Amino acid sequence: MDRLPKKSQATYIGYDEESDEVELRLYNRKQKNEFLKFCEEHPDLCRQSDDDGFGGLWFLTTKDCIVIKPRVPESEKTKQRRRENLKNNLNKLQPDSV
């Protein structure tokens, strides 16, 4: 199978306000795998509609299954605090060595 150049591997999310259906074209491997798994678990909500032959998969799902919203990236300070909390919680879960 041929691949498109990275620049041409665009994620596409298409819908109109009248229809309840959303069409997605994905090239990102992680996203494709997530949607393939979602299709298996919820065939009534999502289905793969096409494979473009260049690494892209097309999916059809409902608007209820998609969330699009802006997100502010976490600061380094917040990331570090999360790491510290995770380490502390993991240490609490591990039994003491004898």
PDB file of N, CA and C in Angstrom:
ATOM      1  N   MET A   1       0.848  -1.182   0.000  1.00  0.00           N
ATOM      2  CA  MET A   1       0.000   0.000   0.000  1.00  0.00           C
ATOM      3  C   MET A   1       0.889   1.239   0.000  1.00  0.00           C
ATOM      4  N   ASP A   2       0.593   2.151  -0.888  1.00  0.00           N
ATOM      5  CA  ASP A   2       1.305   3.423  -0.940  1.00  0.00           C
ATOM      6  C   ASP A   2       0.843   4.319   0.197  1.00  0.00           C
ATOM      7  N   ARG A   3       1.701   5.236   0.573  1.00  0.00           N
ATOM      8  CA  ARG A   3       1.371   6.215   1.614  1.00  0.00           C
ATOM      9  C   ARG A   3       1.411   7.608   1.014  1.00  0.00           C
ATOM     10  N   LEU A   4       0.564   8.461   1.533  1.00  0.00           N
ATOM     11  CA  LEU A   4       0.608   9.872   1.159  1.00  0.00           C
ATOM     12  C   LEU A   4       1.700  10.566   1.952  1.00  0.00           C
ATOM     13  N   PRO A   5       2.268  11.647   1.424  1.00  0.00           N
ATOM     14  CA  PRO A   5       3.219  12.424   2.220  1.00  0.00           C
ATOM     15  C   PRO A   5       2.521  12.946   3.472  1.00  0.00           C
ATOM     16  N   LYS A   6       3.262  13.094   4.570  1.00  0.00           N
ATOM     17  CA  LYS A   6       2.697  13.564   5.838  1.00  0.00           C
ATOM     18  C   LYS A   6       1.862  14.824   5.668  1.00  0.00           C
ATOM     19  N   LYS A   7       2.325  15.725   4.826  1.00  0.00           N
ATOM     20  CA  LYS A   7       1.618  16.984   4.625  1.00  0.00           C
ATOM     21  C   LYS A   7       0.213  16.762   4.060  1.00  0.00           C
ATOM     22  N   SER A   8       0.026  15.679   3.319  1.00  0.00           N
ATOM     23  CA  SER A   8      -1.272  15.384   2.705  1.00  0.00           C
ATOM     24  C   SER A   8      -2.161  14.514   3.590  1.00  0.00           C
ATOM     25  N   GLN A   9      -1.628  14.033   4.700  1.00  0.00           N
ATOM     26  CA  GLN A   9      -2.394  13.164   5.591  1.00  0.00           C
ATOM     27  C   GLN A   9      -3.203  14.010   6.576  1.00  0.00           C
ATOM     28  N   ALA A  10      -4.235  14.635   6.065  1.00  0.00           N
ATOM     29  CA  ALA A  10      -5.039  15.547   6.863  1.00  0.00           C
ATOM     30  C   ALA A  10      -6.179  14.817   7.553  1.00  0.00           C
ATOM     31  N   THR A  11      -6.401  15.138   8.814  1.00  0.00           N
ATOM     32  CA  THR A  11      -7.574  14.647   9.533  1.00  0.00           C
ATOM     33  C   THR A  11      -8.759  15.484   9.083  1.00  0.00           C
ATOM     34  N   TYR A  12      -9.839  14.800   8.788  1.00  0.00           N
ATOM     35  CA  TYR A  12     -11.038  15.485   8.306  1.00  0.00           C
ATOM     36  C   TYR A  12     -12.213  15.111   9.198  1.00  0.00           C
ATOM     37  N   ILE A  13     -12.935  16.106   9.681  1.00  0.00           N
ATOM     38  CA  ILE A  13     -14.157  15.893  10.454  1.00  0.00           C
ATOM     39  C   ILE A  13     -15.233  16.704   9.745  1.00  0.00           C
ATOM     40  N   GLY A  14     -16.213  16.020   9.191  1.00  0.00           N
ATOM     41  CA  GLY A  14     -17.224  16.717   8.425  1.00  0.00           C
ATOM     42  C   GLY A  14     -18.630  16.401   8.882  1.00  0.00           C
ATOM     43  N   TYR A  15     -19.431  17.437   9.042  1.00  0.00           N
ATOM     44  CA  TYR A  15     -20.843  17.272   9.370  1.00  0.00           C
ATOM     45  C   TYR A  15     -21.580  18.542   9.011  1.00  0.00           C
ATOM     46  N   ASP A  16     -22.891  18.430   8.906  1.00  0.00           N
ATOM     47  CA  ASP A  16     -23.702  19.621   8.715  1.00  0.00           C
ATOM     48  C   ASP A  16     -24.687  19.713   9.880  1.00  0.00           C
ATOM     49  N   GLU A  17     -25.309  20.850  10.021  1.00  0.00           N
ATOM     50  CA  GLU A  17     -26.175  21.086  11.171  1.00  0.00           C
ATOM     51  C   GLU A  17     -27.489  20.311  11.090  1.00  0.00           C
ATOM     52  N   GLU A  18     -27.876  19.883   9.902  1.00  0.00           N
ATOM     53  CA  GLU A  18     -29.142  19.174   9.744  1.00  0.00           C
ATOM     54  C   GLU A  18     -29.026  17.695  10.089  1.00  0.00           C
ATOM     55  N   SER A  19     -27.956  17.076   9.669  1.00  0.00           N
ATOM     56  CA  SER A  19     -27.765  15.643   9.867  1.00  0.00           C
ATOM     57  C   SER A  19     -27.192  15.355  11.248  1.00  0.00           C
ATOM     58  N   ASP A  20     -27.454  14.163  11.751  1.00  0.00           N
ATOM     59  CA  ASP A  20     -26.890  13.734  13.032  1.00  0.00           C
ATOM     60  C   ASP A  20     -25.600  12.945  12.828  1.00  0.00           C
ATOM     61  N   GLU A  21     -25.200  12.744  11.575  1.00  0.00           N
ATOM     62  CA  GLU A  21     -24.047  11.912  11.256  1.00  0.00           C
ATOM     63  C   GLU A  21     -22.777  12.752  11.063  1.00  0.00           C
ATOM     64  N   VAL A  22     -21.661  12.201  11.506  1.00  0.00           N
ATOM     65  CA  VAL A  22     -20.346  12.832  11.361  1.00  0.00           C
ATOM     66  C   VAL A  22     -19.464  11.899  10.549  1.00  0.00           C
ATOM     67  N   GLU A  23     -18.722  12.463   9.609  1.00  0.00           N
ATOM     68  CA  GLU A  23     -17.793  11.694   8.795  1.00  0.00           C
ATOM     69  C   GLU A  23     -16.373  12.081   9.198  1.00  0.00           C
ATOM     70  N   LEU A  24     -15.536  11.083   9.444  1.00  0.00           N
ATOM     71  CA  LEU A  24     -14.147  11.325   9.840  1.00  0.00           C
ATOM     72  C   LEU A  24     -13.207  10.607   8.884  1.00  0.00           C
ATOM     73  N   ARG A  25     -12.116  11.270   8.513  1.00  0.00           N
ATOM     74  CA  ARG A  25     -11.030  10.633   7.765  1.00  0.00           C
ATOM     75  C   ARG A  25      -9.791  10.767   8.630  1.00  0.00           C
ATOM     76  N   LEU A  26      -9.195   9.638   8.966  1.00  0.00           N
ATOM     77  CA  LEU A  26      -8.065   9.627   9.890  1.00  0.00           C
ATOM     78  C   LEU A  26      -6.855   8.933   9.276  1.00  0.00           C
ATOM     79  N   TYR A  27      -5.687   9.483   9.523  1.00  0.00           N
ATOM     80  CA  TYR A  27      -4.421   8.872   9.134  1.00  0.00           C
ATOM     81  C   TYR A  27      -3.580   8.520  10.360  1.00  0.00           C
ATOM     82  N   ASN A  28      -3.814   9.189  11.461  1.00  0.00           N
ATOM     83  CA  ASN A  28      -3.058   8.960  12.686  1.00  0.00           C
ATOM     84  C   ASN A  28      -3.340   7.548  13.200  1.00  0.00           C
ATOM     85  N   ARG A  29      -2.306   6.747  13.386  1.00  0.00           N
ATOM     86  CA  ARG A  29      -2.455   5.339  13.762  1.00  0.00           C
ATOM     87  C   ARG A  29      -3.209   5.181  15.083  1.00  0.00           C
ATOM     88  N   LYS A  30      -2.872   5.988  16.067  1.00  0.00           N
ATOM     89  CA  LYS A  30      -3.534   5.885  17.371  1.00  0.00           C
ATOM     90  C   LYS A  30      -5.028   6.183  17.243  1.00  0.00           C
ATOM     91  N   GLN A  31      -5.367   7.241  16.513  1.00  0.00           N
ATOM     92  CA  GLN A  31      -6.778   7.591  16.324  1.00  0.00           C
ATOM     93  C   GLN A  31      -7.518   6.502  15.554  1.00  0.00           C
ATOM     94  N   LYS A  32      -6.877   5.978  14.502  1.00  0.00           N
ATOM     95  CA  LYS A  32      -7.516   4.912  13.720  1.00  0.00           C
ATOM     96  C   LYS A  32      -7.790   3.701  14.603  1.00  0.00           C
ATOM     97  N   ASN A  33      -6.813   3.316  15.414  1.00  0.00           N
ATOM     98  CA  ASN A  33      -6.994   2.160  16.295  1.00  0.00           C
ATOM     99  C   ASN A  33      -8.100   2.398  17.317  1.00  0.00           C
ATOM    100  N   GLU A  34      -8.166   3.621  17.851  1.00  0.00           N
ATOM    101  CA  GLU A  34      -9.226   3.947  18.815  1.00  0.00           C
ATOM    102  C   GLU A  34     -10.598   3.831  18.160  1.00  0.00           C
ATOM    103  N   PHE A  35     -10.729   4.319  16.933  1.00  0.00           N
ATOM    104  CA  PHE A  35     -12.028   4.249  16.257  1.00  0.00           C
ATOM    105  C   PHE A  35     -12.349   2.830  15.805  1.00  0.00           C
ATOM    106  N   LEU A  36     -11.355   2.051  15.400  1.00  0.00           N
ATOM    107  CA  LEU A  36     -11.618   0.650  15.053  1.00  0.00           C
ATOM    108  C   LEU A  36     -12.136  -0.115  16.268  1.00  0.00           C
ATOM    109  N   LYS A  37     -11.523   0.130  17.417  1.00  0.00           N
ATOM    110  CA  LYS A  37     -11.977  -0.505  18.653  1.00  0.00           C
ATOM    111  C   LYS A  37     -13.384  -0.024  19.014  1.00  0.00           C
ATOM    112  N   PHE A  38     -13.621   1.279  18.860  1.00  0.00           N
ATOM    113  CA  PHE A  38     -14.939   1.848  19.145  1.00  0.00           C
ATOM    114  C   PHE A  38     -16.002   1.215  18.245  1.00  0.00           C
ATOM    115  N   CYS A  39     -15.655   1.002  16.962  1.00  0.00           N
ATOM    116  CA  CYS A  39     -16.584   0.358  16.016  1.00  0.00           C
ATOM    117  C   CYS A  39     -16.927  -1.066  16.456  1.00  0.00           C
ATOM    118  N   GLU A  40     -15.931  -1.796  16.941  1.00  0.00           N
ATOM    119  CA  GLU A  40     -16.168  -3.163  17.408  1.00  0.00           C
ATOM    120  C   GLU A  40     -17.070  -3.179  18.636  1.00  0.00           C
ATOM    121  N   GLU A  41     -16.817  -2.256  19.557  1.00  0.00           N
ATOM    122  CA  GLU A  41     -17.573  -2.225  20.811  1.00  0.00           C
ATOM    123  C   GLU A  41     -18.968  -1.628  20.638  1.00  0.00           C
ATOM    124  N   HIS A  42     -19.126  -0.719  19.680  1.00  0.00           N
ATOM    125  CA  HIS A  42     -20.397  -0.011  19.500  1.00  0.00           C
ATOM    126  C   HIS A  42     -20.779   0.059  18.022  1.00  0.00           C
ATOM    127  N   PRO A  43     -21.083  -1.096  17.406  1.00  0.00           N
ATOM    128  CA  PRO A  43     -21.408  -1.085  15.974  1.00  0.00           C
ATOM    129  C   PRO A  43     -22.678  -0.290  15.651  1.00  0.00           C
ATOM    130  N   ASP A  44     -23.515  -0.082  16.654  1.00  0.00           N
ATOM    131  CA  ASP A  44     -24.729   0.710  16.443  1.00  0.00           C
ATOM    132  C   ASP A  44     -24.440   2.212  16.390  1.00  0.00           C
ATOM    133  N   LEU A  45     -23.259   2.631  16.875  1.00  0.00           N
ATOM    134  CA  LEU A  45     -22.915   4.052  16.935  1.00  0.00           C
ATOM    135  C   LEU A  45     -21.862   4.473  15.910  1.00  0.00           C
ATOM    136  N   CYS A  46     -21.037   3.534  15.457  1.00  0.00           N
ATOM    137  CA  CYS A  46     -19.907   3.893  14.605  1.00  0.00           C
ATOM    138  C   CYS A  46     -19.587   2.745  13.662  1.00  0.00           C
ATOM    139  N   ARG A  47     -19.197   3.103  12.434  1.00  0.00           N
ATOM    140  CA  ARG A  47     -18.764   2.072  11.490  1.00  0.00           C
ATOM    141  C   ARG A  47     -17.695   2.637  10.565  1.00  0.00           C
ATOM    142  N   GLN A  48     -16.797   1.760  10.137  1.00  0.00           N
ATOM    143  CA  GLN A  48     -15.799   2.163   9.155  1.00  0.00           C
ATOM    144  C   GLN A  48     -16.488   2.161   7.803  1.00  0.00           C
ATOM    145  N   SER A  49     -16.387   3.265   7.084  1.00  0.00           N
ATOM    146  CA  SER A  49     -17.093   3.365   5.812  1.00  0.00           C
ATOM    147  C   SER A  49     -16.190   3.205   4.595  1.00  0.00           C
ATOM    148  N   ASP A  50     -14.870   3.433   4.761  1.00  0.00           N
ATOM    149  CA  ASP A  50     -13.988   3.347   3.606  1.00  0.00           C
ATOM    150  C   ASP A  50     -12.535   3.252   4.052  1.00  0.00           C
ATOM    151  N   ASP A  51     -11.713   2.738   3.159  1.00  0.00           N
ATOM    152  CA  ASP A  51     -10.260   2.709   3.308  1.00  0.00           C
ATOM    153  C   ASP A  51      -9.729   3.316   2.024  1.00  0.00           C
ATOM    154  N   ASP A  52      -9.023   4.438   2.114  1.00  0.00           N
ATOM    155  CA  ASP A  52      -8.625   5.144   0.891  1.00  0.00           C
ATOM    156  C   ASP A  52      -7.444   4.498   0.168  1.00  0.00           C
ATOM    157  N   GLY A  53      -6.847   3.450   0.749  1.00  0.00           N
ATOM    158  CA  GLY A  53      -5.735   2.774   0.098  1.00  0.00           C
ATOM    159  C   GLY A  53      -4.400   3.480   0.258  1.00  0.00           C
ATOM    160  N   PHE A  54      -4.408   4.613   0.952  1.00  0.00           N
ATOM    161  CA  PHE A  54      -3.174   5.372   1.177  1.00  0.00           C
ATOM    162  C   PHE A  54      -2.895   5.547   2.670  1.00  0.00           C
ATOM    163  N   GLY A  55      -3.499   4.701   3.489  1.00  0.00           N
ATOM    164  CA  GLY A  55      -3.288   4.775   4.935  1.00  0.00           C
ATOM    165  C   GLY A  55      -4.398   5.473   5.684  1.00  0.00           C
ATOM    166  N   GLY A  56      -5.381   6.004   4.988  1.00  0.00           N
ATOM    167  CA  GLY A  56      -6.477   6.710   5.647  1.00  0.00           C
ATOM    168  C   GLY A  56      -7.716   5.831   5.770  1.00  0.00           C
ATOM    169  N   LEU A  57      -8.389   5.946   6.888  1.00  0.00           N
ATOM    170  CA  LEU A  57      -9.644   5.240   7.106  1.00  0.00           C
ATOM    171  C   LEU A  57     -10.758   6.257   7.308  1.00  0.00           C
ATOM    172  N   TRP A  58     -11.932   5.956   6.764  1.00  0.00           N
ATOM    173  CA  TRP A  58     -13.111   6.802   6.906  1.00  0.00           C
ATOM    174  C   TRP A  58     -14.071   6.124   7.867  1.00  0.00           C
ATOM    175  N   PHE A  59     -14.657   6.912   8.752  1.00  0.00           N
ATOM    176  CA  PHE A  59     -15.622   6.414   9.721  1.00  0.00           C
ATOM    177  C   PHE A  59     -16.875   7.273   9.687  1.00  0.00           C
ATOM    178  N   LEU A  60     -18.004   6.662  10.004  1.00  0.00           N
ATOM    179  CA  LEU A  60     -19.262   7.375  10.188  1.00  0.00           C
ATOM    180  C   LEU A  60     -19.731   7.120  11.611  1.00  0.00           C
ATOM    181  N   THR A  61     -20.091   8.181  12.296  1.00  0.00           N
ATOM    182  CA  THR A  61     -20.580   8.075  13.660  1.00  0.00           C
ATOM    183  C   THR A  61     -21.614   9.176  13.888  1.00  0.00           C
ATOM    184  N   THR A  62     -22.136   9.262  15.084  1.00  0.00           N
ATOM    185  CA  THR A  62     -23.116  10.303  15.389  1.00  0.00           C
ATOM    186  C   THR A  62     -22.435  11.472  16.090  1.00  0.00           C
ATOM    187  N   LYS A  63     -23.085  12.613  16.054  1.00  0.00           N
ATOM    188  CA  LYS A  63     -22.540  13.804  16.701  1.00  0.00           C
ATOM    189  C   LYS A  63     -22.387  13.610  18.207  1.00  0.00           C
ATOM    190  N   ASP A  64     -23.226  12.768  18.794  1.00  0.00           N
ATOM    191  CA  ASP A  64     -23.146  12.520  20.234  1.00  0.00           C
ATOM    192  C   ASP A  64     -21.828  11.863  20.639  1.00  0.00           C
ATOM    193  N   CYS A  65     -21.145  11.220  19.692  1.00  0.00           N
ATOM    194  CA  CYS A  65     -19.908  10.495  19.993  1.00  0.00           C
ATOM    195  C   CYS A  65     -18.646  11.339  19.815  1.00  0.00           C
ATOM    196  N   ILE A  66     -18.783  12.552  19.326  1.00  0.00           N
ATOM    197  CA  ILE A  66     -17.635  13.415  19.027  1.00  0.00           C
ATOM    198  C   ILE A  66     -17.703  14.683  19.875  1.00  0.00           C
ATOM    199  N   VAL A  67     -16.574  15.058  20.453  1.00  0.00           N
ATOM    200  CA  VAL A  67     -16.479  16.300  21.215  1.00  0.00           C
ATOM    201  C   VAL A  67     -15.337  17.124  20.624  1.00  0.00           C
ATOM    202  N   ILE A  68     -15.641  18.348  20.261  1.00  0.00           N
ATOM    203  CA  ILE A  68     -14.607  19.247  19.737  1.00  0.00           C
ATOM    204  C   ILE A  68     -14.617  20.497  20.600  1.00  0.00           C
ATOM    205  N   LYS A  69     -13.519  20.709  21.312  1.00  0.00           N
ATOM    206  CA  LYS A  69     -13.429  21.903  22.143  1.00  0.00           C
ATOM    207  C   LYS A  69     -11.968  22.288  22.324  1.00  0.00           C
ATOM    208  N   PRO A  70     -11.702  23.556  22.473  1.00  0.00           N
ATOM    209  CA  PRO A  70     -10.316  23.987  22.684  1.00  0.00           C
ATOM    210  C   PRO A  70      -9.843  23.597  24.085  1.00  0.00           C
ATOM    211  N   ARG A  71      -8.557  23.378  24.188  1.00  0.00           N
ATOM    212  CA  ARG A  71      -7.969  22.996  25.464  1.00  0.00           C
ATOM    213  C   ARG A  71      -6.656  23.735  25.634  1.00  0.00           C
ATOM    214  N   VAL A  72      -6.483  24.347  26.783  1.00  0.00           N
ATOM    215  CA  VAL A  72      -5.236  25.040  27.093  1.00  0.00           C
ATOM    216  C   VAL A  72      -4.235  23.991  27.597  1.00  0.00           C
ATOM    217  N   PRO A  73      -3.036  23.938  27.005  1.00  0.00           N
ATOM    218  CA  PRO A  73      -2.035  22.970  27.459  1.00  0.00           C
ATOM    219  C   PRO A  73      -1.646  23.222  28.922  1.00  0.00           C
ATOM    220  N   GLU A  74      -1.306  22.137  29.624  1.00  0.00           N
ATOM    221  CA  GLU A  74      -0.882  22.270  31.021  1.00  0.00           C
ATOM    222  C   GLU A  74       0.490  22.924  31.098  1.00  0.00           C
ATOM    223  N   SER A  75       0.699  23.679  32.138  1.00  0.00           N
ATOM    224  CA  SER A  75       2.007  24.298  32.352  1.00  0.00           C
ATOM    225  C   SER A  75       2.974  23.224  32.857  1.00  0.00           C
ATOM    226  N   GLU A  76       4.257  23.518  32.747  1.00  0.00           N
ATOM    227  CA  GLU A  76       5.278  22.588  33.252  1.00  0.00           C
ATOM    228  C   GLU A  76       5.117  22.378  34.751  1.00  0.00           C
ATOM    229  N   LYS A  77       4.728  23.429  35.457  1.00  0.00           N
ATOM    230  CA  LYS A  77       4.530  23.338  36.905  1.00  0.00           C
ATOM    231  C   LYS A  77       3.406  22.337  37.224  1.00  0.00           C
ATOM    232  N   THR A  78       2.310  22.400  36.488  1.00  0.00           N
ATOM    233  CA  THR A  78       1.198  21.472  36.703  1.00  0.00           C
ATOM    234  C   THR A  78       1.605  20.047  36.350  1.00  0.00           C
ATOM    235  N   LYS A  79       2.333  19.873  35.243  1.00  0.00           N
ATOM    236  CA  LYS A  79       2.797  18.539  34.851  1.00  0.00           C
ATOM    237  C   LYS A  79       3.699  17.941  35.937  1.00  0.00           C
ATOM    238  N   GLN A  80       4.604  18.742  36.464  1.00  0.00           N
ATOM    239  CA  GLN A  80       5.518  18.274  37.505  1.00  0.00           C
ATOM    240  C   GLN A  80       4.746  17.885  38.759  1.00  0.00           C
ATOM    241  N   ARG A  81       3.754  18.696  39.134  1.00  0.00           N
ATOM    242  CA  ARG A  81       2.932  18.394  40.307  1.00  0.00           C
ATOM    243  C   ARG A  81       2.181  17.070  40.114  1.00  0.00           C
ATOM    244  N   ARG A  82       1.673  16.831  38.921  1.00  0.00           N
ATOM    245  CA  ARG A  82       0.984  15.559  38.626  1.00  0.00           C
ATOM    246  C   ARG A  82       1.942  14.378  38.742  1.00  0.00           C
ATOM    247  N   ARG A  83       3.162  14.547  38.213  1.00  0.00           N
ATOM    248  CA  ARG A  83       4.171  13.476  38.308  1.00  0.00           C
ATOM    249  C   ARG A  83       4.484  13.140  39.766  1.00  0.00           C
ATOM    250  N   GLU A  84       4.661  14.179  40.568  1.00  0.00           N
ATOM    251  CA  GLU A  84       4.970  13.988  41.997  1.00  0.00           C
ATOM    252  C   GLU A  84       3.827  13.244  42.691  1.00  0.00           C
ATOM    253  N   ASN A  85       2.594  13.661  42.427  1.00  0.00           N
ATOM    254  CA  ASN A  85       1.435  13.004  43.031  1.00  0.00           C
ATOM    255  C   ASN A  85       1.348  11.548  42.614  1.00  0.00           C
ATOM    256  N   LEU A  86       1.610  11.270  41.344  1.00  0.00           N
ATOM    257  CA  LEU A  86       1.578   9.895  40.859  1.00  0.00           C
ATOM    258  C   LEU A  86       2.645   9.045  41.554  1.00  0.00           C
ATOM    259  N   LYS A  87       3.858   9.582  41.649  1.00  0.00           N
ATOM    260  CA  LYS A  87       4.929   8.843  42.327  1.00  0.00           C
ATOM    261  C   LYS A  87       4.564   8.561  43.781  1.00  0.00           C
ATOM    262  N   ASN A  88       4.038   9.570  44.480  1.00  0.00           N
ATOM    263  CA  ASN A  88       3.651   9.393  45.883  1.00  0.00           C
ATOM    264  C   ASN A  88       2.556   8.341  46.031  1.00  0.00           C
ATOM    265  N   ASN A  89       1.563   8.381  45.146  1.00  0.00           N
ATOM    266  CA  ASN A  89       0.475   7.411  45.219  1.00  0.00           C
ATOM    267  C   ASN A  89       0.946   6.004  44.892  1.00  0.00           C
ATOM    268  N   LEU A  90       1.859   5.860  43.937  1.00  0.00           N
ATOM    269  CA  LEU A  90       2.394   4.540  43.603  1.00  0.00           C
ATOM    270  C   LEU A  90       3.213   3.983  44.765  1.00  0.00           C
ATOM    271  N   ASN A  91       3.982   4.852  45.415  1.00  0.00           N
ATOM    272  CA  ASN A  91       4.784   4.409  46.565  1.00  0.00           C
ATOM    273  C   ASN A  91       3.886   3.939  47.706  1.00  0.00           C
ATOM    274  N   LYS A  92       2.742   4.577  47.895  1.00  0.00           N
ATOM    275  CA  LYS A  92       1.808   4.176  48.949  1.00  0.00           C
ATOM    276  C   LYS A  92       1.191   2.814  48.657  1.00  0.00           C
ATOM    277  N   LEU A  93       1.027   2.470  47.364  1.00  0.00           N
ATOM    278  CA  LEU A  93       0.392   1.226  46.990  1.00  0.00           C
ATOM    279  C   LEU A  93       1.338   0.032  47.092  1.00  0.00           C
ATOM    280  N   GLN A  94       2.648   0.284  46.977  1.00  0.00           N
ATOM    281  CA  GLN A  94       3.627  -0.802  47.013  1.00  0.00           C
ATOM    282  C   GLN A  94       3.900  -1.206  48.467  1.00  0.00           C
ATOM    283  N   PRO A  95       3.867  -2.527  48.729  1.00  0.00           N
ATOM    284  CA  PRO A  95       4.174  -2.960  50.103  1.00  0.00           C
ATOM    285  C   PRO A  95       5.647  -2.691  50.437  1.00  0.00           C
ATOM    286  N   ASP A  96       5.885  -2.461  51.707  1.00  0.00           N
ATOM    287  CA  ASP A  96       7.252  -2.216  52.165  1.00  0.00           C
ATOM    288  C   ASP A  96       8.105  -3.472  51.979  1.00  0.00           C
ATOM    289  N   SER A  97       9.355  -3.275  51.597  1.00  0.00           N
ATOM    290  CA  SER A  97      10.290  -4.402  51.449  1.00  0.00           C
ATOM    291  C   SER A  97      10.667  -4.919  52.813  1.00  0.00           C
ATOM    292  N   VAL A  98      10.896  -6.229  52.889  1.00  0.00           N
ATOM    293  CA  VAL A  98      11.311  -6.819  54.164  1.00  0.00           C
ATOM    294  C   VAL A  98      12.793  -6.901  54.247  1.00  0.00           C
TER     295      VAL A  98
END
